[in-house]
C-alpha cells in the first residue's frame, strides 16, 4: 500500500520494481488482489495491464489502521499508545514541539 500511495497509482510490475527485495510477480499480484477484494484498492485497465489506486486517502487509511492497533494492543487507550510510541526512540525538537502542541490543543478542546 505504501508504494501505491507514494506513486498514486501503479501496476503490479511497478509495485514489484519499487520493492527492495521483491517476492515473485505472482505473490505481489496475489497480495494486490487481496487488497482490492478487501476494498483498499481499485483498478482500471490500461491495455492488458491493470493500474491500481487506493480507494481512500492515505490519511484516512492511516487513522483507521491506527484505531485498530490502539483497540487491539492498547485496550483502546490512545494515551497508552502514545506513551509506547514516545518510549520507542529519541525524538527531535520538532517532533517534541508537535506533540506538545497536540496535547495543548486536546486540553483546550476538552478531550
N, C-alpha and C. Protein backbone atom coordinates (compact mmCIF):
# COMPACT_ATOMS: atom_id res chain seq x y z
N UNK A 1 0.83 -1.19 0.00
CA UNK A 1 0.00 0.00 0.00
C UNK A 1 0.87 1.25 0.00
N UNK A 2 1.97 1.19 0.76
CA UNK A 2 2.84 2.36 0.85
C UNK A 2 3.35 2.77 -0.53
N UNK A 3 3.72 1.80 -1.33
CA UNK A 3 4.23 2.09 -2.67
C UNK A 3 3.14 2.71 -3.53
N UNK A 4 1.95 2.16 -3.48
CA UNK A 4 0.86 2.69 -4.31
C UNK A 4 0.46 4.08 -3.82
N UNK A 5 0.44 4.30 -2.51
CA UNK A 5 0.16 5.65 -2.02
C UNK A 5 1.23 6.63 -2.50
N UNK A 6 2.48 6.22 -2.43
CA UNK A 6 3.58 7.12 -2.83
C UNK A 6 3.50 7.46 -4.31
N UNK A 7 3.15 6.48 -5.15
CA UNK A 7 3.10 6.68 -6.60
C UNK A 7 1.73 7.16 -7.09
N UNK A 8 0.74 7.13 -6.26
CA UNK A 8 -0.66 7.47 -6.58
C UNK A 8 -1.38 6.35 -7.33
N UNK A 9 -0.68 5.67 -8.18
CA UNK A 9 -1.22 4.52 -8.90
C UNK A 9 -0.06 3.70 -9.42
N UNK A 10 -0.29 2.39 -9.62
CA UNK A 10 0.81 1.54 -10.09
C UNK A 10 0.28 0.20 -10.59
N UNK A 11 1.04 -0.40 -11.48
CA UNK A 11 0.78 -1.77 -11.93
C UNK A 11 1.47 -2.72 -10.96
N UNK A 12 1.15 -3.99 -11.07
CA UNK A 12 1.83 -4.99 -10.24
C UNK A 12 3.33 -4.95 -10.51
N UNK A 13 3.71 -4.84 -11.77
CA UNK A 13 5.13 -4.81 -12.13
C UNK A 13 5.84 -3.61 -11.49
N UNK A 14 5.18 -2.45 -11.49
CA UNK A 14 5.78 -1.25 -10.91
C UNK A 14 5.92 -1.39 -9.40
N UNK A 15 4.91 -1.95 -8.74
CA UNK A 15 4.99 -2.18 -7.30
C UNK A 15 6.18 -3.09 -7.00
N UNK A 16 6.30 -4.16 -7.75
CA UNK A 16 7.40 -5.11 -7.55
C UNK A 16 8.75 -4.43 -7.78
N UNK A 17 8.83 -3.62 -8.81
CA UNK A 17 10.06 -2.90 -9.13
C UNK A 17 10.49 -1.96 -8.00
N UNK A 18 9.53 -1.39 -7.30
CA UNK A 18 9.80 -0.45 -6.21
C UNK A 18 10.20 -1.13 -4.90
N UNK A 19 10.02 -2.44 -4.82
CA UNK A 19 10.34 -3.17 -3.58
C UNK A 19 11.84 -3.46 -3.51
N UNK A 20 12.40 -3.37 -2.30
CA UNK A 20 13.84 -3.59 -2.15
C UNK A 20 14.23 -5.05 -2.34
N UNK A 21 13.43 -5.98 -1.88
CA UNK A 21 13.71 -7.42 -2.04
C UNK A 21 12.40 -8.08 -2.43
N UNK A 22 11.98 -7.90 -3.69
CA UNK A 22 10.63 -8.31 -4.07
C UNK A 22 10.43 -9.81 -4.13
N UNK A 23 9.24 -10.25 -3.70
CA UNK A 23 8.86 -11.64 -3.93
C UNK A 23 8.51 -11.82 -5.40
N UNK A 24 8.03 -12.97 -5.76
CA UNK A 24 7.69 -13.23 -7.15
C UNK A 24 6.55 -12.34 -7.62
N UNK A 25 6.45 -12.20 -8.93
CA UNK A 25 5.37 -11.40 -9.53
C UNK A 25 4.02 -11.93 -9.08
N UNK A 26 3.85 -13.25 -9.09
CA UNK A 26 2.55 -13.81 -8.72
C UNK A 26 2.22 -13.56 -7.25
N UNK A 27 3.21 -13.51 -6.39
CA UNK A 27 2.97 -13.20 -4.99
C UNK A 27 2.49 -11.76 -4.82
N UNK A 28 3.13 -10.83 -5.51
CA UNK A 28 2.72 -9.42 -5.45
C UNK A 28 1.32 -9.27 -6.03
N UNK A 29 1.06 -9.94 -7.13
CA UNK A 29 -0.27 -9.88 -7.75
C UNK A 29 -1.34 -10.43 -6.81
N UNK A 30 -1.03 -11.51 -6.11
CA UNK A 30 -1.99 -12.09 -5.16
C UNK A 30 -2.26 -11.12 -3.99
N UNK A 31 -1.22 -10.48 -3.49
CA UNK A 31 -1.39 -9.53 -2.40
C UNK A 31 -2.25 -8.34 -2.85
N UNK A 32 -1.97 -7.82 -4.04
CA UNK A 32 -2.74 -6.69 -4.56
C UNK A 32 -4.19 -7.11 -4.80
N UNK A 33 -4.40 -8.31 -5.27
CA UNK A 33 -5.78 -8.80 -5.47
C UNK A 33 -6.52 -8.89 -4.15
N UNK A 34 -5.83 -9.32 -3.10
CA UNK A 34 -6.44 -9.38 -1.77
C UNK A 34 -6.80 -7.98 -1.28
N UNK A 35 -5.88 -7.03 -1.46
CA UNK A 35 -6.16 -5.65 -1.05
C UNK A 35 -7.35 -5.07 -1.83
N UNK A 36 -7.46 -5.43 -3.10
CA UNK A 36 -8.59 -4.96 -3.90
C UNK A 36 -9.89 -5.62 -3.42
N UNK A 37 -9.85 -6.90 -3.16
CA UNK A 37 -11.04 -7.62 -2.69
C UNK A 37 -11.53 -7.05 -1.35
N UNK A 38 -10.59 -6.61 -0.51
CA UNK A 38 -10.95 -6.04 0.79
C UNK A 38 -11.36 -4.57 0.68
N UNK A 39 -11.30 -4.00 -0.52
CA UNK A 39 -11.77 -2.65 -0.74
C UNK A 39 -10.73 -1.56 -0.57
N UNK A 40 -9.45 -1.93 -0.41
CA UNK A 40 -8.40 -0.93 -0.23
C UNK A 40 -7.88 -0.37 -1.55
N UNK A 41 -8.05 -1.13 -2.62
CA UNK A 41 -7.59 -0.71 -3.95
C UNK A 41 -8.71 -0.89 -4.96
N UNK A 42 -8.59 -0.17 -6.06
CA UNK A 42 -9.44 -0.37 -7.22
C UNK A 42 -8.53 -0.31 -8.45
N UNK A 43 -9.02 -0.79 -9.58
CA UNK A 43 -8.17 -0.76 -10.76
C UNK A 43 -8.92 -0.26 -11.99
N UNK A 44 -8.13 0.19 -12.94
CA UNK A 44 -8.61 0.48 -14.28
C UNK A 44 -7.72 -0.30 -15.23
N UNK A 45 -8.22 -0.52 -16.43
CA UNK A 45 -7.42 -1.25 -17.41
C UNK A 45 -6.63 -0.28 -18.27
N UNK A 46 -5.38 -0.64 -18.49
CA UNK A 46 -4.51 0.11 -19.41
C UNK A 46 -3.95 -0.92 -20.37
N UNK A 47 -4.71 -1.18 -21.42
CA UNK A 47 -4.33 -2.25 -22.32
C UNK A 47 -4.53 -3.58 -21.61
N UNK A 48 -3.48 -4.40 -21.60
CA UNK A 48 -3.56 -5.70 -20.95
C UNK A 48 -3.22 -5.64 -19.47
N UNK A 49 -2.85 -4.46 -18.99
CA UNK A 49 -2.43 -4.32 -17.60
C UNK A 49 -3.51 -3.64 -16.78
N UNK A 50 -3.51 -3.94 -15.49
CA UNK A 50 -4.36 -3.23 -14.54
C UNK A 50 -3.51 -2.19 -13.82
N UNK A 51 -4.08 -1.02 -13.65
CA UNK A 51 -3.43 0.05 -12.89
C UNK A 51 -4.25 0.22 -11.61
N UNK A 52 -3.58 0.04 -10.48
CA UNK A 52 -4.24 0.08 -9.18
C UNK A 52 -4.05 1.44 -8.51
N UNK A 53 -5.09 1.85 -7.77
CA UNK A 53 -5.01 3.09 -6.98
C UNK A 53 -5.78 2.86 -5.69
N UNK A 54 -5.41 3.59 -4.64
CA UNK A 54 -6.10 3.45 -3.35
C UNK A 54 -7.55 3.94 -3.46
N UNK A 55 -8.41 3.37 -2.65
CA UNK A 55 -9.82 3.78 -2.65
C UNK A 55 -10.09 4.89 -1.64
N UNK A 56 -9.21 5.06 -0.66
CA UNK A 56 -9.37 6.11 0.34
C UNK A 56 -8.06 6.88 0.47
N UNK A 57 -8.14 8.15 0.85
CA UNK A 57 -6.91 8.92 1.05
C UNK A 57 -6.02 8.28 2.12
N UNK A 58 -4.72 8.47 1.98
CA UNK A 58 -3.76 7.88 2.90
C UNK A 58 -4.04 8.26 4.35
N UNK A 59 -4.35 9.52 4.61
CA UNK A 59 -4.60 9.96 5.99
C UNK A 59 -5.77 9.21 6.61
N UNK A 60 -6.81 9.00 5.83
CA UNK A 60 -7.99 8.27 6.32
C UNK A 60 -7.64 6.81 6.60
N UNK A 61 -6.90 6.19 5.70
CA UNK A 61 -6.49 4.80 5.90
C UNK A 61 -5.56 4.67 7.11
N UNK A 62 -4.66 5.65 7.28
CA UNK A 62 -3.74 5.62 8.42
C UNK A 62 -4.50 5.73 9.73
N UNK A 63 -5.46 6.63 9.78
CA UNK A 63 -6.25 6.81 11.01
C UNK A 63 -7.03 5.54 11.34
N UNK A 64 -7.62 4.93 10.33
CA UNK A 64 -8.38 3.70 10.54
C UNK A 64 -7.47 2.58 11.05
N UNK A 65 -6.29 2.44 10.45
CA UNK A 65 -5.35 1.40 10.89
C UNK A 65 -4.88 1.66 12.31
N UNK A 66 -4.60 2.92 12.63
CA UNK A 66 -4.14 3.27 13.97
C UNK A 66 -5.21 2.98 15.01
N UNK A 67 -6.46 3.26 14.68
CA UNK A 67 -7.56 2.96 15.61
C UNK A 67 -7.63 1.46 15.89
N UNK A 68 -7.41 0.64 14.87
CA UNK A 68 -7.42 -0.82 15.07
C UNK A 68 -6.27 -1.25 15.96
N UNK A 69 -5.08 -0.66 15.76
CA UNK A 69 -3.91 -1.00 16.60
C UNK A 69 -4.16 -0.59 18.04
N UNK A 70 -4.66 0.62 18.25
CA UNK A 70 -4.95 1.10 19.61
C UNK A 70 -5.97 0.19 20.28
N UNK A 71 -6.99 -0.18 19.56
CA UNK A 71 -8.02 -1.06 20.11
C UNK A 71 -7.46 -2.45 20.44
N UNK A 72 -6.65 -2.99 19.54
CA UNK A 72 -6.15 -4.35 19.71
C UNK A 72 -5.03 -4.49 20.72
N UNK A 73 -4.14 -3.51 20.80
CA UNK A 73 -2.92 -3.66 21.60
C UNK A 73 -2.82 -2.74 22.81
N UNK A 74 -3.68 -1.73 22.88
CA UNK A 74 -3.56 -0.74 23.96
C UNK A 74 -4.89 -0.53 24.68
N UNK A 75 -5.73 -1.57 24.71
CA UNK A 75 -7.01 -1.53 25.42
C UNK A 75 -7.83 -0.30 25.05
N UNK A 76 -7.70 0.15 23.82
CA UNK A 76 -8.47 1.29 23.35
C UNK A 76 -7.98 2.63 23.85
N UNK A 77 -6.80 2.66 24.48
CA UNK A 77 -6.29 3.90 25.07
C UNK A 77 -5.27 4.58 24.16
N UNK A 78 -5.64 5.70 23.55
CA UNK A 78 -4.67 6.44 22.74
C UNK A 78 -3.48 6.91 23.59
N UNK A 79 -3.71 7.21 24.87
CA UNK A 79 -2.62 7.65 25.74
C UNK A 79 -1.57 6.55 25.90
N UNK A 80 -2.03 5.31 26.13
CA UNK A 80 -1.08 4.20 26.25
C UNK A 80 -0.29 4.02 24.96
N UNK A 81 -0.96 4.16 23.82
CA UNK A 81 -0.28 4.03 22.53
C UNK A 81 0.74 5.14 22.36
N UNK A 82 0.37 6.37 22.72
CA UNK A 82 1.29 7.50 22.58
C UNK A 82 2.51 7.32 23.47
N UNK A 83 2.32 6.87 24.69
CA UNK A 83 3.45 6.64 25.60
C UNK A 83 4.37 5.57 25.02
N UNK A 84 3.79 4.52 24.46
CA UNK A 84 4.61 3.46 23.86
C UNK A 84 5.41 4.01 22.68
N UNK A 85 4.79 4.81 21.85
CA UNK A 85 5.49 5.38 20.70
C UNK A 85 6.61 6.31 21.13
N UNK A 86 6.35 7.16 22.11
CA UNK A 86 7.38 8.08 22.59
C UNK A 86 8.53 7.32 23.21
N UNK A 87 8.23 6.20 23.84
CA UNK A 87 9.26 5.39 24.51
C UNK A 87 10.13 4.60 23.54
N UNK A 88 9.73 4.51 22.29
CA UNK A 88 10.44 3.68 21.31
C UNK A 88 11.78 4.27 20.88
N UNK A 89 11.94 5.55 20.91
CA UNK A 89 13.19 6.11 20.42
C UNK A 89 13.29 7.58 20.69
N UNK A 90 14.42 8.13 20.29
CA UNK A 90 14.66 9.55 20.51
C UNK A 90 13.81 10.39 19.58
N UNK A 91 13.31 11.47 20.13
CA UNK A 91 12.53 12.40 19.34
C UNK A 91 13.31 13.70 19.21
N UNK A 92 13.24 14.29 18.05
CA UNK A 92 13.90 15.57 17.83
C UNK A 92 13.06 16.70 18.40
N UNK A 93 13.63 17.88 18.41
CA UNK A 93 12.92 19.05 18.94
C UNK A 93 11.64 19.32 18.18
N UNK A 94 11.65 19.14 16.88
CA UNK A 94 10.44 19.38 16.08
C UNK A 94 9.32 18.42 16.47
N UNK A 95 9.66 17.13 16.61
CA UNK A 95 8.64 16.15 17.00
C UNK A 95 8.10 16.44 18.40
N UNK A 96 8.99 16.80 19.32
CA UNK A 96 8.55 17.13 20.67
C UNK A 96 7.63 18.34 20.67
N UNK A 97 7.96 19.34 19.87
CA UNK A 97 7.11 20.53 19.77
C UNK A 97 5.74 20.18 19.19
N UNK A 98 5.72 19.31 18.18
CA UNK A 98 4.45 18.90 17.58
C UNK A 98 3.59 18.15 18.59
N UNK A 99 4.22 17.27 19.38
CA UNK A 99 3.49 16.54 20.41
C UNK A 99 2.94 17.48 21.47
N UNK A 100 3.77 18.41 21.92
CA UNK A 100 3.32 19.37 22.93
C UNK A 100 2.15 20.21 22.41
N UNK A 101 2.22 20.62 21.15
CA UNK A 101 1.13 21.41 20.56
C UNK A 101 -0.15 20.58 20.47
N UNK A 102 -0.02 19.32 20.10
CA UNK A 102 -1.20 18.44 20.01
C UNK A 102 -1.83 18.22 21.38
N UNK A 103 -1.00 18.06 22.40
CA UNK A 103 -1.51 17.89 23.76
C UNK A 103 -2.22 19.17 24.21
N UNK A 104 -1.64 20.31 23.92
CA UNK A 104 -2.26 21.59 24.29
C UNK A 104 -3.61 21.76 23.60
N UNK A 105 -3.67 21.43 22.30
CA UNK A 105 -4.95 21.53 21.56
C UNK A 105 -6.00 20.62 22.19
N UNK A 106 -5.59 19.39 22.56
CA UNK A 106 -6.52 18.46 23.18
C UNK A 106 -7.04 19.01 24.51
N UNK A 107 -6.17 19.63 25.28
CA UNK A 107 -6.61 20.22 26.55
C UNK A 107 -7.60 21.35 26.31
N UNK A 108 -7.30 22.20 25.35
CA UNK A 108 -8.18 23.33 25.05
C UNK A 108 -9.54 22.88 24.52
N UNK A 109 -9.55 21.77 23.80
CA UNK A 109 -10.81 21.25 23.25
C UNK A 109 -11.54 20.35 24.23
N UNK A 110 -10.92 20.15 25.41
CA UNK A 110 -11.56 19.35 26.45
C UNK A 110 -11.57 17.87 26.19
N UNK A 111 -10.60 17.38 25.48
CA UNK A 111 -10.53 15.94 25.18
C UNK A 111 -9.84 15.19 26.27
